[in-house]
Each structure stands twice: as structure tokens, then as C-alpha cells.
N, C-alpha and C. Protein backbone atom coordinates (compact mmCIF):
# COMPACT_ATOMS: atom_id res chain seq x y z
N MET A 1 128.27 68.38 158.73
CA MET A 1 128.94 68.61 157.46
C MET A 1 129.37 70.07 157.40
N LYS A 2 130.56 70.30 157.03
CA LYS A 2 131.09 71.64 156.89
C LYS A 2 131.08 72.01 155.40
N ALA A 3 130.63 73.22 155.11
CA ALA A 3 130.57 73.67 153.73
C ALA A 3 131.21 75.04 153.62
N LEU A 4 131.73 75.36 152.48
CA LEU A 4 132.34 76.66 152.22
C LEU A 4 131.61 77.35 151.08
N LYS A 5 131.46 78.65 151.21
CA LYS A 5 130.91 79.45 150.12
C LYS A 5 131.79 80.68 150.01
N ARG A 6 132.31 80.91 148.83
CA ARG A 6 133.23 82.02 148.64
C ARG A 6 132.92 82.75 147.33
N ARG A 7 133.18 84.04 147.33
CA ARG A 7 133.16 84.82 146.10
C ARG A 7 134.62 85.04 145.73
N MET A 8 134.95 84.71 144.53
CA MET A 8 136.36 84.77 144.12
C MET A 8 136.48 85.46 142.77
N LYS A 9 137.65 85.99 142.52
CA LYS A 9 137.97 86.58 141.22
C LYS A 9 138.55 85.50 140.32
N VAL A 10 138.13 85.50 139.07
CA VAL A 10 138.67 84.58 138.08
C VAL A 10 139.89 85.25 137.44
N LYS A 11 141.01 84.53 137.43
CA LYS A 11 142.23 85.05 136.82
C LYS A 11 142.71 84.03 135.80
N ASN A 12 142.84 84.47 134.58
CA ASN A 12 143.25 83.59 133.49
C ASN A 12 142.34 82.36 133.40
N ARG A 13 141.05 82.60 133.58
CA ARG A 13 140.02 81.55 133.51
C ARG A 13 140.24 80.45 134.54
N LYS A 14 140.84 80.81 135.69
CA LYS A 14 141.10 79.83 136.75
C LYS A 14 140.75 80.42 138.11
N ILE A 15 140.39 79.54 139.03
CA ILE A 15 140.25 79.90 140.44
C ILE A 15 140.99 78.87 141.27
N VAL A 16 141.48 79.28 142.43
CA VAL A 16 142.17 78.38 143.34
C VAL A 16 141.44 78.45 144.68
N ILE A 17 141.05 77.30 145.20
CA ILE A 17 140.33 77.23 146.46
C ILE A 17 141.25 76.58 147.50
N ASP A 18 141.62 77.33 148.50
CA ASP A 18 142.41 76.79 149.61
C ASP A 18 141.45 76.35 150.70
N LEU A 19 141.52 75.08 151.05
CA LEU A 19 140.64 74.54 152.09
C LEU A 19 141.29 74.69 153.46
N PRO A 20 140.48 74.95 154.50
CA PRO A 20 141.05 75.06 155.85
C PRO A 20 141.60 73.72 156.32
N ASP A 21 142.51 73.77 157.30
CA ASP A 21 143.15 72.56 157.81
C ASP A 21 142.15 71.57 158.38
N ASP A 22 141.05 72.07 158.97
CA ASP A 22 140.09 71.16 159.61
C ASP A 22 139.01 70.66 158.64
N PHE A 23 139.15 70.95 157.37
CA PHE A 23 138.16 70.48 156.39
C PHE A 23 138.35 68.99 156.15
N GLU A 24 137.26 68.25 156.31
CA GLU A 24 137.32 66.79 156.11
C GLU A 24 136.60 66.42 154.83
N GLY A 25 137.09 65.42 154.16
CA GLY A 25 136.43 64.93 152.95
C GLY A 25 137.44 64.67 151.86
N ASP A 26 137.28 63.53 151.22
CA ASP A 26 138.17 63.19 150.12
C ASP A 26 137.58 63.59 148.78
N GLU A 27 136.27 63.79 148.73
CA GLU A 27 135.60 64.24 147.52
C GLU A 27 134.73 65.43 147.87
N VAL A 28 134.63 66.37 146.96
CA VAL A 28 133.80 67.56 147.16
C VAL A 28 133.01 67.84 145.90
N GLU A 29 131.95 68.61 146.05
CA GLU A 29 131.17 69.06 144.91
C GLU A 29 131.47 70.54 144.71
N VAL A 30 131.82 70.92 143.50
CA VAL A 30 132.14 72.30 143.20
C VAL A 30 131.13 72.81 142.18
N ILE A 31 130.48 73.91 142.53
CA ILE A 31 129.54 74.56 141.62
C ILE A 31 130.08 75.96 141.36
N VAL A 32 130.25 76.31 140.12
CA VAL A 32 130.76 77.63 139.75
C VAL A 32 129.71 78.32 138.91
N LYS A 33 129.28 79.49 139.36
CA LYS A 33 128.32 80.27 138.58
C LYS A 33 128.76 81.72 138.57
N PRO A 34 128.59 82.39 137.47
CA PRO A 34 129.03 83.79 137.39
C PRO A 34 128.11 84.69 138.20
N LEU A 35 128.69 85.71 138.80
CA LEU A 35 127.91 86.73 139.48
C LEU A 35 127.62 87.82 138.46
N ASN A 36 126.36 88.07 138.22
CA ASN A 36 125.98 89.07 137.24
C ASN A 36 125.94 90.43 137.92
N LYS A 37 126.96 91.23 137.66
CA LYS A 37 127.04 92.55 138.28
C LYS A 37 126.70 93.66 137.30
N LYS A 38 126.15 93.31 136.14
CA LYS A 38 125.82 94.32 135.15
C LYS A 38 124.65 95.16 135.62
N LYS A 39 124.68 96.42 135.25
CA LYS A 39 123.58 97.32 135.58
C LYS A 39 122.39 96.96 134.70
N PRO A 40 121.16 97.25 135.18
CA PRO A 40 119.98 96.94 134.36
C PRO A 40 120.05 97.63 133.01
N ASN A 41 119.52 96.98 132.02
CA ASN A 41 119.52 97.51 130.67
C ASN A 41 118.51 98.65 130.59
N LYS A 42 119.01 99.87 130.38
CA LYS A 42 118.14 101.04 130.35
C LYS A 42 117.11 100.96 129.23
N GLU A 43 117.49 100.36 128.12
CA GLU A 43 116.55 100.24 127.00
C GLU A 43 115.38 99.34 127.36
N LYS A 44 115.65 98.24 128.09
CA LYS A 44 114.56 97.36 128.51
C LYS A 44 113.62 98.07 129.47
N LEU A 45 114.18 98.85 130.39
CA LEU A 45 113.35 99.59 131.33
C LEU A 45 112.51 100.63 130.60
N LEU A 46 113.11 101.33 129.67
CA LEU A 46 112.38 102.32 128.90
C LEU A 46 111.24 101.66 128.12
N GLU A 47 111.51 100.51 127.50
CA GLU A 47 110.48 99.78 126.76
C GLU A 47 109.34 99.35 127.68
N LEU A 48 109.69 98.86 128.87
CA LEU A 48 108.68 98.45 129.83
C LEU A 48 107.79 99.63 130.22
N LEU A 49 108.41 100.77 130.51
CA LEU A 49 107.64 101.94 130.92
C LEU A 49 106.77 102.47 129.79
N LEU A 50 107.29 102.46 128.58
CA LEU A 50 106.51 102.97 127.45
C LEU A 50 105.36 102.05 127.06
N ASN A 51 105.48 100.77 127.34
CA ASN A 51 104.42 99.82 127.01
C ASN A 51 103.45 99.59 128.16
N ALA A 52 103.64 100.29 129.27
CA ALA A 52 102.77 100.12 130.42
C ALA A 52 101.37 100.67 130.10
N PRO A 53 100.36 100.14 130.78
CA PRO A 53 99.00 100.65 130.54
C PRO A 53 98.91 102.13 130.93
N THR A 54 98.07 102.85 130.24
CA THR A 54 97.88 104.28 130.53
C THR A 54 96.39 104.56 130.72
N PHE A 55 96.10 105.66 131.42
CA PHE A 55 94.72 106.10 131.63
C PHE A 55 94.28 106.97 130.46
N ASN A 56 93.03 106.78 130.04
CA ASN A 56 92.47 107.76 129.11
C ASN A 56 91.91 108.91 129.94
N ASP A 57 91.39 109.95 129.31
CA ASP A 57 90.94 111.14 130.05
C ASP A 57 89.83 110.82 131.03
N ALA A 58 88.87 109.97 130.65
CA ALA A 58 87.76 109.62 131.53
C ALA A 58 88.26 108.83 132.75
N GLU A 59 89.16 107.89 132.52
CA GLU A 59 89.71 107.10 133.63
C GLU A 59 90.52 107.98 134.58
N LEU A 60 91.29 108.91 134.03
CA LEU A 60 92.08 109.80 134.86
C LEU A 60 91.17 110.70 135.70
N ALA A 61 90.08 111.20 135.12
CA ALA A 61 89.13 112.03 135.87
C ALA A 61 88.48 111.22 136.99
N GLU A 62 88.11 109.99 136.71
CA GLU A 62 87.51 109.13 137.74
C GLU A 62 88.51 108.85 138.86
N PHE A 63 89.75 108.62 138.51
CA PHE A 63 90.79 108.41 139.51
C PHE A 63 90.92 109.64 140.42
N GLU A 64 90.94 110.81 139.83
CA GLU A 64 91.03 112.05 140.61
C GLU A 64 89.82 112.21 141.53
N ASN A 65 88.62 111.86 141.04
CA ASN A 65 87.41 111.96 141.88
C ASN A 65 87.49 111.01 143.07
N VAL A 66 87.93 109.80 142.84
CA VAL A 66 88.04 108.82 143.93
C VAL A 66 89.11 109.28 144.92
N ARG A 67 90.21 109.79 144.43
CA ARG A 67 91.27 110.27 145.33
C ARG A 67 90.77 111.44 146.18
N LYS A 68 90.03 112.35 145.58
CA LYS A 68 89.45 113.49 146.33
C LYS A 68 88.48 112.97 147.38
N TRP A 69 87.64 112.01 147.01
CA TRP A 69 86.67 111.44 147.96
C TRP A 69 87.38 110.77 149.13
N LEU A 70 88.43 110.00 148.85
CA LEU A 70 89.17 109.34 149.92
C LEU A 70 89.85 110.35 150.85
N ASN A 71 90.38 111.43 150.31
CA ASN A 71 91.03 112.44 151.13
C ASN A 71 90.04 113.17 152.02
N GLU A 72 88.79 113.26 151.61
CA GLU A 72 87.77 113.94 152.40
C GLU A 72 87.09 113.01 153.41
N TRP A 73 87.27 111.72 153.25
CA TRP A 73 86.59 110.73 154.09
C TRP A 73 87.11 110.80 155.53
N LYS A 74 86.20 110.87 156.47
CA LYS A 74 86.55 110.92 157.87
C LYS A 74 86.20 109.59 158.51
N VAL A 75 87.12 109.04 159.28
CA VAL A 75 86.88 107.77 159.95
C VAL A 75 86.26 108.06 161.31
N GLN A 76 85.10 107.44 161.56
CA GLN A 76 84.46 107.59 162.86
C GLN A 76 85.22 106.78 163.89
N SER A 77 85.36 107.30 165.09
CA SER A 77 86.06 106.55 166.12
C SER A 77 85.22 105.37 166.56
N PHE A 78 85.83 104.34 167.04
CA PHE A 78 85.15 103.10 167.40
C PHE A 78 84.58 103.19 168.78
């Protein structure tokens, strides 16, 4: 079975599909879906970042202690 997939521009709410000469079939299935090329919504990203979990002072200090411990840790050779 031969299939075609194309990205096309819509002009006046229409598209025209030219089939190759070797295309066989009397009936075809056509699925049209818009390509969403919009940039991410900055407000949604800002809301996500502002609502993200945060460390309190004790948690931040513990994180720093663990990071310091990991940086000082030496791996023994096998």
C-alpha cells in the first residue's frame, strides 16, 4: 500500500492534493489536522514556575550539606 503524507498551506480554506501518476486506488482516506505552530504561552509557564514547590530554609541547608558531602566523597577503585 502506498501512502502520502504532506504538509500544505491552506488558501481560502482549501487545499489541493495532486496524486502521483503511479498512485492506485479509487477511494482514499483524508485526515486533515492543523499544525500548531504557536509559541508556548509565557503566562502559563510563569504560572507553572511560580506554583512549583520551594525549599524552606531548613530544607535548603540540608540540600547544601548533602551536596557538599557528595562532592567530597571519594570512590574507591575496584
